[in-house]
């Protein structure tokens, strides 16, 4: 095990304090990432407040993780030291069930392992991205393209994929009309994605306060 600095929450609704946590040694299929940014997702807030139950304290939140590879295991083939990478909501799954074999690890029949506030299959507590480093199996590490702003990329690993996935699944694109309900953290990304895919986008909001932004993002209509 190796020790790394982290921001730790020791009890529900407790303050964030500086501390240390242990990360496993890099195994044959692991990648060690020096974390540059970690997005703040509202689910981190829910977990830190113990609003969803089954919380594990001390807790290190963070599941929108961006950084650079600093070490790779002997069997790693996808990554090299120095590359910019991301780690998202899940860090392991059984990879043997039908869902995993279909690249749908979030539906893993054994249950996927979350980036934090959960247990690995070996029983070890998982700690998230509010830390200096993380060690993750290469299967759950993502390439970040050259030239991408890393700070802006971090939220795409949860908020982004949450809206991109259904748009991709339902083939949003030219000739399709898409309605986005609300333009908050996820909604504004959904508008941008759907517009970039070529769909005709209408935003539905509670007020006209975000109409100008929606139209600037490429929506053709805004209704409240």
C-alpha atoms as a PDB file:
ATOM      1  CA  UNK A   1       0.000   0.000   0.000  1.00  0.00           C
ATOM      2  CA  UNK A   2       1.071   3.593  -0.589  1.00  0.00           C
ATOM      3  CA  UNK A   3      -0.058   6.732   1.206  1.00  0.00           C
ATOM      4  CA  UNK A   4      -1.395   9.810  -0.575  1.00  0.00           C
ATOM      5  CA  UNK A   5      -2.921  13.125   0.480  1.00  0.00           C
ATOM      6  CA  UNK A   6      -6.692  13.545   0.295  1.00  0.00           C
ATOM      7  CA  UNK A   7      -9.630  15.671   1.369  1.00  0.00           C
ATOM      8  CA  UNK A   8     -11.494  13.561   3.886  1.00  0.00           C
ATOM      9  CA  UNK A   9     -14.982  13.755   5.377  1.00  0.00           C
ATOM     10  CA  UNK A  10     -15.040  11.841   8.650  1.00  0.00           C
ATOM     11  CA  UNK A  11     -18.771  11.931   9.440  1.00  0.00           C
ATOM     12  CA  UNK A  12     -22.095  12.878   7.891  1.00  0.00           C
ATOM     13  CA  UNK A  13     -22.292  16.648   7.371  1.00  0.00           C
ATOM     14  CA  UNK A  14     -18.783  16.929   8.732  1.00  0.00           C
ATOM     15  CA  UNK A  15     -16.215  19.392   7.413  1.00  0.00           C
ATOM     16  CA  UNK A  16     -13.755  18.527   4.688  1.00  0.00           C
ATOM     17  CA  UNK A  17     -10.355  18.069   6.281  1.00  0.00           C
ATOM     18  CA  UNK A  18      -6.896  17.401   4.932  1.00  0.00           C
ATOM     19  CA  UNK A  19      -5.694  13.889   5.564  1.00  0.00           C
ATOM     20  CA  UNK A  20      -4.101  10.829   4.046  1.00  0.00           C
ATOM     21  CA  UNK A  21      -5.433   7.589   2.609  1.00  0.00           C
ATOM     22  CA  UNK A  22      -3.889   4.366   1.398  1.00  0.00           C
ATOM     23  CA  UNK A  23      -3.907   3.305  -2.240  1.00  0.00           C
ATOM     24  CA  UNK A  24      -3.044  -0.202  -3.374  1.00  0.00           C
ATOM     25  CA  UNK A  25       0.219  -0.915  -5.091  1.00  0.00           C
ATOM     26  CA  UNK A  26       0.091  -0.913  -8.878  1.00  0.00           C
ATOM     27  CA  UNK A  27      -0.799  -4.398 -10.096  1.00  0.00           C
ATOM     28  CA  UNK A  28      -0.146  -5.842 -13.562  1.00  0.00           C
ATOM     29  CA  UNK A  29      -3.302  -4.289 -15.064  1.00  0.00           C
ATOM     30  CA  UNK A  30      -3.347  -1.078 -13.035  1.00  0.00           C
ATOM     31  CA  UNK A  31      -2.679   2.544 -13.882  1.00  0.00           C
ATOM     32  CA  UNK A  32      -1.615   5.079 -11.262  1.00  0.00           C
ATOM     33  CA  UNK A  33      -2.911   8.543 -12.002  1.00  0.00           C
ATOM     34  CA  UNK A  34      -1.745  11.825 -10.501  1.00  0.00           C
ATOM     35  CA  UNK A  35      -5.019  13.728 -10.186  1.00  0.00           C
ATOM     36  CA  UNK A  36      -5.135  17.239 -11.598  1.00  0.00           C
ATOM     37  CA  UNK A  37      -8.865  17.944 -11.334  1.00  0.00           C
ATOM     38  CA  UNK A  38     -11.936  16.305  -9.860  1.00  0.00           C
ATOM     39  CA  UNK A  39     -15.381  17.672 -10.636  1.00  0.00           C
ATOM     40  CA  UNK A  40     -17.854  18.399  -7.851  1.00  0.00           C
ATOM     41  CA  UNK A  41     -21.023  16.442  -8.607  1.00  0.00           C
ATOM     42  CA  UNK A  42     -24.142  16.977  -6.507  1.00  0.00           C
ATOM     43  CA  UNK A  43     -24.135  13.273  -5.714  1.00  0.00           C
ATOM     44  CA  UNK A  44     -20.877  13.938  -3.841  1.00  0.00           C
ATOM     45  CA  UNK A  45     -22.826  16.378  -1.686  1.00  0.00           C
ATOM     46  CA  UNK A  46     -25.643  13.877  -1.100  1.00  0.00           C
ATOM     47  CA  UNK A  47     -23.170  11.204  -0.047  1.00  0.00           C
ATOM     48  CA  UNK A  48     -21.200  13.525   2.234  1.00  0.00           C
ATOM     49  CA  UNK A  49     -24.448  14.493   3.975  1.00  0.00           C
ATOM     50  CA  UNK A  50     -25.496  10.834   4.256  1.00  0.00           C
ATOM     51  CA  UNK A  51     -28.728  11.654   2.447  1.00  0.00           C
ATOM     52  CA  UNK A  52     -28.770   8.421   0.467  1.00  0.00           C
ATOM     53  CA  UNK A  53     -27.811   6.039   3.253  1.00  0.00           C
ATOM     54  CA  UNK A  54     -25.237   3.216   3.240  1.00  0.00           C
ATOM     55  CA  UNK A  55     -22.432   5.741   3.524  1.00  0.00           C
ATOM     56  CA  UNK A  56     -18.915   4.760   4.493  1.00  0.00           C
ATOM     57  CA  UNK A  57     -16.916   7.176   6.640  1.00  0.00           C
ATOM     58  CA  UNK A  58     -14.253   8.378   6.485  1.00  0.00           C
ATOM     59  CA  UNK A  59     -15.139   9.286   2.895  1.00  0.00           C
ATOM     60  CA  UNK A  60     -13.177  10.783   0.029  1.00  0.00           C
ATOM     61  CA  UNK A  61     -15.701  11.817  -2.651  1.00  0.00           C
ATOM     62  CA  UNK A  62     -15.028  12.491  -6.318  1.00  0.00           C
ATOM     63  CA  UNK A  63     -15.876  10.510  -9.439  1.00  0.00           C
ATOM     64  CA  UNK A  64     -15.110  12.965 -12.242  1.00  0.00           C
ATOM     65  CA  UNK A  65     -11.353  12.490 -12.172  1.00  0.00           C
ATOM     66  CA  UNK A  66      -8.786  13.906 -14.577  1.00  0.00           C
ATOM     67  CA  UNK A  67      -5.028  13.592 -14.363  1.00  0.00           C
ATOM     68  CA  UNK A  68      -1.865  12.162 -15.873  1.00  0.00           C
ATOM     69  CA  UNK A  69      -0.495   8.636 -15.832  1.00  0.00           C
ATOM     70  CA  UNK A  70       2.541   8.328 -13.584  1.00  0.00           C
ATOM     71  CA  UNK A  71       2.912   4.531 -13.469  1.00  0.00           C
ATOM     72  CA  UNK A  72       1.578   1.531 -15.358  1.00  0.00           C
ATOM     73  CA  UNK A  73       1.484  -2.156 -14.532  1.00  0.00           C
ATOM     74  CA  UNK A  74       3.483  -4.763 -16.400  1.00  0.00           C
ATOM     75  CA  UNK A  75       0.469  -5.969 -18.436  1.00  0.00           C
ATOM     76  CA  UNK A  76      -0.978  -2.540 -19.286  1.00  0.00           C
ATOM     77  CA  UNK A  77      -1.249  -1.982 -23.033  1.00  0.00           C
ATOM     78  CA  UNK A  78      -3.520   1.046 -23.441  1.00  0.00           C
ATOM     79  CA  UNK A  79      -1.627   3.738 -21.554  1.00  0.00           C
ATOM     80  CA  UNK A  80       1.807   5.255 -21.132  1.00  0.00           C
ATOM     81  CA  UNK A  81       3.337   7.468 -18.486  1.00  0.00           C
ATOM     82  CA  UNK A  82       2.562  11.126 -19.126  1.00  0.00           C
ATOM     83  CA  UNK A  83      -0.768  10.654 -20.915  1.00  0.00           C
ATOM     84  CA  UNK A  84      -3.791  12.678 -19.860  1.00  0.00           C
ATOM     85  CA  UNK A  85      -6.566  10.349 -18.697  1.00  0.00           C
ATOM     86  CA  UNK A  86      -9.868  10.275 -16.876  1.00  0.00           C
ATOM     87  CA  UNK A  87     -11.523   7.987 -14.320  1.00  0.00           C
ATOM     88  CA  UNK A  88     -15.293   8.098 -13.974  1.00  0.00           C
ATOM     89  CA  UNK A  89     -18.055   6.739 -11.778  1.00  0.00           C
ATOM     90  CA  UNK A  90     -16.994   3.063 -11.833  1.00  0.00           C
ATOM     91  CA  UNK A  91     -13.593   1.530 -11.244  1.00  0.00           C
ATOM     92  CA  UNK A  92     -14.360  -2.196 -11.533  1.00  0.00           C
ATOM     93  CA  UNK A  93     -16.947  -4.795 -12.557  1.00  0.00           C
ATOM     94  CA  UNK A  94     -16.967  -8.563 -12.924  1.00  0.00           C
ATOM     95  CA  UNK A  95     -16.319  -8.369 -16.697  1.00  0.00           C
ATOM     96  CA  UNK A  96     -17.773 -11.885 -16.995  1.00  0.00           C
ATOM     97  CA  UNK A  97     -21.560 -11.351 -17.106  1.00  0.00           C
ATOM     98  CA  UNK A  98     -23.519 -10.627 -20.280  1.00  0.00           C
ATOM     99  CA  UNK A  99     -23.757  -6.920 -19.448  1.00  0.00           C
ATOM    100  CA  UNK A 100     -20.018  -6.557 -18.966  1.00  0.00           C
ATOM    101  CA  UNK A 101     -19.261  -8.512 -22.131  1.00  0.00           C
ATOM    102  CA  UNK A 102     -21.552  -6.080 -23.974  1.00  0.00           C
ATOM    103  CA  UNK A 103     -19.572  -3.095 -22.646  1.00  0.00           C
ATOM    104  CA  UNK A 104     -22.437  -2.212 -20.299  1.00  0.00           C
ATOM    105  CA  UNK A 105     -20.473  -2.463 -17.073  1.00  0.00           C
ATOM    106  CA  UNK A 106     -22.869  -0.147 -15.247  1.00  0.00           C
ATOM    107  CA  UNK A 107     -25.391  -3.022 -15.437  1.00  0.00           C
ATOM    108  CA  UNK A 108     -22.922  -5.599 -14.132  1.00  0.00           C
ATOM    109  CA  UNK A 109     -24.868  -8.485 -12.586  1.00  0.00           C
ATOM    110  CA  UNK A 110     -22.459  -8.739  -9.682  1.00  0.00           C
ATOM    111  CA  UNK A 111     -22.641  -4.986  -9.213  1.00  0.00           C
ATOM    112  CA  UNK A 112     -20.110  -2.438 -10.461  1.00  0.00           C
ATOM    113  CA  UNK A 113     -17.610  -0.970  -8.028  1.00  0.00           C
ATOM    114  CA  UNK A 114     -18.013   2.764  -7.545  1.00  0.00           C
ATOM    115  CA  UNK A 115     -15.131   5.196  -7.490  1.00  0.00           C
ATOM    116  CA  UNK A 116     -15.881   5.928  -3.834  1.00  0.00           C
ATOM    117  CA  UNK A 117     -18.277   5.140  -0.970  1.00  0.00           C
ATOM    118  CA  UNK A 118     -18.246   1.464  -1.785  1.00  0.00           C
ATOM    119  CA  UNK A 119     -16.213  -1.686  -1.481  1.00  0.00           C
ATOM    120  CA  UNK A 120     -14.037  -3.395  -4.033  1.00  0.00           C
ATOM    121  CA  UNK A 121     -14.473  -7.083  -4.666  1.00  0.00           C
ATOM    122  CA  UNK A 122     -11.571  -7.629  -2.274  1.00  0.00           C
ATOM    123  CA  UNK A 123     -13.461  -5.808   0.483  1.00  0.00           C
ATOM    124  CA  UNK A 124     -11.306  -2.697   0.391  1.00  0.00           C
ATOM    125  CA  UNK A 125     -13.031   0.675   0.856  1.00  0.00           C
ATOM    126  CA  UNK A 126     -12.954   2.825  -2.285  1.00  0.00           C
ATOM    127  CA  UNK A 127     -11.761   6.426  -2.078  1.00  0.00           C
ATOM    128  CA  UNK A 128     -12.467   8.979  -4.786  1.00  0.00           C
ATOM    129  CA  UNK A 129     -10.886  11.818  -6.651  1.00  0.00           C
ATOM    130  CA  UNK A 130     -10.496  14.441  -3.935  1.00  0.00           C
ATOM    131  CA  UNK A 131      -6.988  13.130  -3.530  1.00  0.00           C
ATOM    132  CA  UNK A 132      -3.562  13.402  -5.087  1.00  0.00           C
ATOM    133  CA  UNK A 133      -3.532   9.972  -6.761  1.00  0.00           C
ATOM    134  CA  UNK A 134      -5.700   7.009  -7.663  1.00  0.00           C
ATOM    135  CA  UNK A 135      -4.865   3.466  -8.792  1.00  0.00           C
ATOM    136  CA  UNK A 136      -7.368   1.938 -11.212  1.00  0.00           C
ATOM    137  CA  UNK A 137      -7.566  -1.035 -13.547  1.00  0.00           C
ATOM    138  CA  UNK A 138      -6.792   0.173 -17.075  1.00  0.00           C
ATOM    139  CA  UNK A 139     -10.190  -1.068 -18.281  1.00  0.00           C
ATOM    140  CA  UNK A 140     -11.794   1.809 -16.373  1.00  0.00           C
ATOM    141  CA  UNK A 141      -9.338   4.512 -17.423  1.00  0.00           C
ATOM    142  CA  UNK A 142     -10.178   6.748 -20.373  1.00  0.00           C
ATOM    143  CA  UNK A 143      -7.944   8.574 -22.824  1.00  0.00           C
ATOM    144  CA  UNK A 144      -8.257  12.359 -22.914  1.00  0.00           C
ATOM    145  CA  UNK A 145      -7.478  13.795 -26.337  1.00  0.00           C
ATOM    146  CA  UNK A 146      -4.579  16.205 -26.788  1.00  0.00           C
ATOM    147  CA  UNK A 147      -5.605  19.839 -26.575  1.00  0.00           C
ATOM    148  CA  UNK A 148      -8.642  19.256 -24.371  1.00  0.00           C
ATOM    149  CA  UNK A 149      -8.915  21.607 -21.396  1.00  0.00           C
ATOM    150  CA  UNK A 150      -8.584  19.188 -18.494  1.00  0.00           C
ATOM    151  CA  UNK A 151     -10.577  21.320 -16.062  1.00  0.00           C
ATOM    152  CA  UNK A 152     -13.481  21.436 -18.497  1.00  0.00           C
ATOM    153  CA  UNK A 153     -13.215  17.722 -19.264  1.00  0.00           C
ATOM    154  CA  UNK A 154     -13.636  16.504 -15.677  1.00  0.00           C
ATOM    155  CA  UNK A 155     -17.442  16.992 -15.422  1.00  0.00           C
ATOM    156  CA  UNK A 156     -17.940  15.065 -18.657  1.00  0.00           C
ATOM    157  CA  UNK A 157     -17.092  11.875 -16.768  1.00  0.00           C
ATOM    158  CA  UNK A 158     -20.464  11.921 -14.980  1.00  0.00           C
ATOM    159  CA  UNK A 159     -22.676  14.853 -15.961  1.00  0.00           C
ATOM    160  CA  UNK A 160     -21.542  14.597 -19.565  1.00  0.00           C
ATOM    161  CA  UNK A 161     -21.935  10.881 -20.091  1.00  0.00           C
ATOM    162  CA  UNK A 162     -25.284  10.890 -18.275  1.00  0.00           C
ATOM    163  CA  UNK A 163     -26.847  12.935 -21.074  1.00  0.00           C
ATOM    164  CA  UNK A 164     -24.592  11.869 -23.947  1.00  0.00           C
ATOM    165  CA  UNK A 165     -25.433   8.190 -23.523  1.00  0.00           C
ATOM    166  CA  UNK A 166     -29.216   8.449 -24.130  1.00  0.00           C
ATOM    167  CA  UNK A 167     -28.723  10.916 -26.970  1.00  0.00           C
ATOM    168  CA  UNK A 168     -26.334   8.471 -28.618  1.00  0.00           C
ATOM    169  CA  UNK A 169     -28.586   5.482 -27.887  1.00  0.00           C
ATOM    170  CA  UNK A 170     -31.629   7.107 -29.476  1.00  0.00           C
ATOM    171  CA  UNK A 171     -29.528   8.346 -32.410  1.00  0.00           C
ATOM    172  CA  UNK A 172     -30.016  12.065 -31.957  1.00  0.00           C
ATOM    173  CA  UNK A 173     -28.951  13.750 -35.164  1.00  0.00           C
ATOM    174  CA  UNK A 174     -30.128  15.416 -38.366  1.00  0.00           C
ATOM    175  CA  UNK A 175     -33.856  15.017 -38.838  1.00  0.00           C
ATOM    176  CA  UNK A 176     -34.455  14.334 -35.134  1.00  0.00           C
ATOM    177  CA  UNK A 177     -36.125  16.675 -32.635  1.00  0.00           C
ATOM    178  CA  UNK A 178     -34.920  16.668 -29.040  1.00  0.00           C
ATOM    179  CA  UNK A 179     -36.553  18.335 -26.029  1.00  0.00           C
ATOM    180  CA  UNK A 180     -34.340  19.066 -23.026  1.00  0.00           C
ATOM    181  CA  UNK A 181     -36.238  19.467 -19.753  1.00  0.00           C
ATOM    182  CA  UNK A 182     -34.356  22.012 -17.695  1.00  0.00           C
ATOM    183  CA  UNK A 183     -30.971  23.565 -18.407  1.00  0.00           C
ATOM    184  CA  UNK A 184     -28.958  23.011 -15.280  1.00  0.00           C
ATOM    185  CA  UNK A 185     -25.659  21.204 -14.914  1.00  0.00           C
ATOM    186  CA  UNK A 186     -26.732  18.251 -17.047  1.00  0.00           C
ATOM    187  CA  UNK A 187     -29.251  20.061 -19.223  1.00  0.00           C
ATOM    188  CA  UNK A 188     -26.847  22.602 -20.661  1.00  0.00           C
ATOM    189  CA  UNK A 189     -24.511  19.777 -21.686  1.00  0.00           C
ATOM    190  CA  UNK A 190     -27.440  17.911 -23.248  1.00  0.00           C
ATOM    191  CA  UNK A 191     -28.273  20.978 -25.335  1.00  0.00           C
ATOM    192  CA  UNK A 192     -24.700  21.316 -26.548  1.00  0.00           C
ATOM    193  CA  UNK A 193     -24.383  17.610 -27.340  1.00  0.00           C
ATOM    194  CA  UNK A 194     -27.710  17.389 -29.178  1.00  0.00           C
ATOM    195  CA  UNK A 195     -26.943  20.495 -31.226  1.00  0.00           C
ATOM    196  CA  UNK A 196     -23.484  19.164 -32.090  1.00  0.00           C
ATOM    197  CA  UNK A 197     -25.107  15.917 -33.233  1.00  0.00           C
ATOM    198  CA  UNK A 198     -27.289  17.890 -35.616  1.00  0.00           C
ATOM    199  CA  UNK A 199     -30.643  17.546 -33.870  1.00  0.00           C
ATOM    200  CA  UNK A 200     -33.279  20.274 -33.610  1.00  0.00           C
ATOM    201  CA  UNK A 201     -33.331  21.191 -29.933  1.00  0.00           C
ATOM    202  CA  UNK A 202     -36.063  22.762 -27.814  1.00  0.00           C
ATOM    203  CA  UNK A 203     -35.438  23.571 -24.158  1.00  0.00           C
ATOM    204  CA  UNK A 204     -38.266  23.419 -21.612  1.00  0.00           C
ATOM    205  CA  UNK A 205     -37.691  25.568 -18.531  1.00  0.00           C
ATOM    206  CA  UNK A 206     -39.484  26.945 -15.483  1.00  0.00           C
ATOM    207  CA  UNK A 207     -38.841  30.545 -16.531  1.00  0.00           C
ATOM    208  CA  UNK A 208     -37.382  32.550 -19.396  1.00  0.00           C
ATOM    209  CA  UNK A 209     -34.223  33.270 -17.408  1.00  0.00           C
ATOM    210  CA  UNK A 210     -32.101  30.837 -19.411  1.00  0.00           C
ATOM    211  CA  UNK A 211     -33.624  31.429 -22.819  1.00  0.00           C
ATOM    212  CA  UNK A 212     -30.768  33.561 -24.120  1.00  0.00           C
ATOM    213  CA  UNK A 213     -28.202  30.954 -23.062  1.00  0.00           C
ATOM    214  CA  UNK A 214     -30.202  28.118 -24.617  1.00  0.00           C
ATOM    215  CA  UNK A 215     -30.420  29.909 -27.947  1.00  0.00           C
ATOM    216  CA  UNK A 216     -26.724  30.789 -27.763  1.00  0.00           C
ATOM    217  CA  UNK A 217     -25.966  27.078 -27.273  1.00  0.00           C
ATOM    218  CA  UNK A 218     -27.834  26.337 -30.513  1.00  0.00           C
ATOM    219  CA  UNK A 219     -31.374  25.508 -29.385  1.00  0.00           C
ATOM    220  CA  UNK A 220     -34.033  26.590 -31.877  1.00  0.00           C
ATOM    221  CA  UNK A 221     -36.713  27.233 -29.275  1.00  0.00           C
ATOM    222  CA  UNK A 222     -37.173  27.761 -25.527  1.00  0.00           C
ATOM    223  CA  UNK A 223     -40.500  27.280 -23.798  1.00  0.00           C
ATOM    224  CA  UNK A 224     -41.551  27.879 -20.212  1.00  0.00           C
END
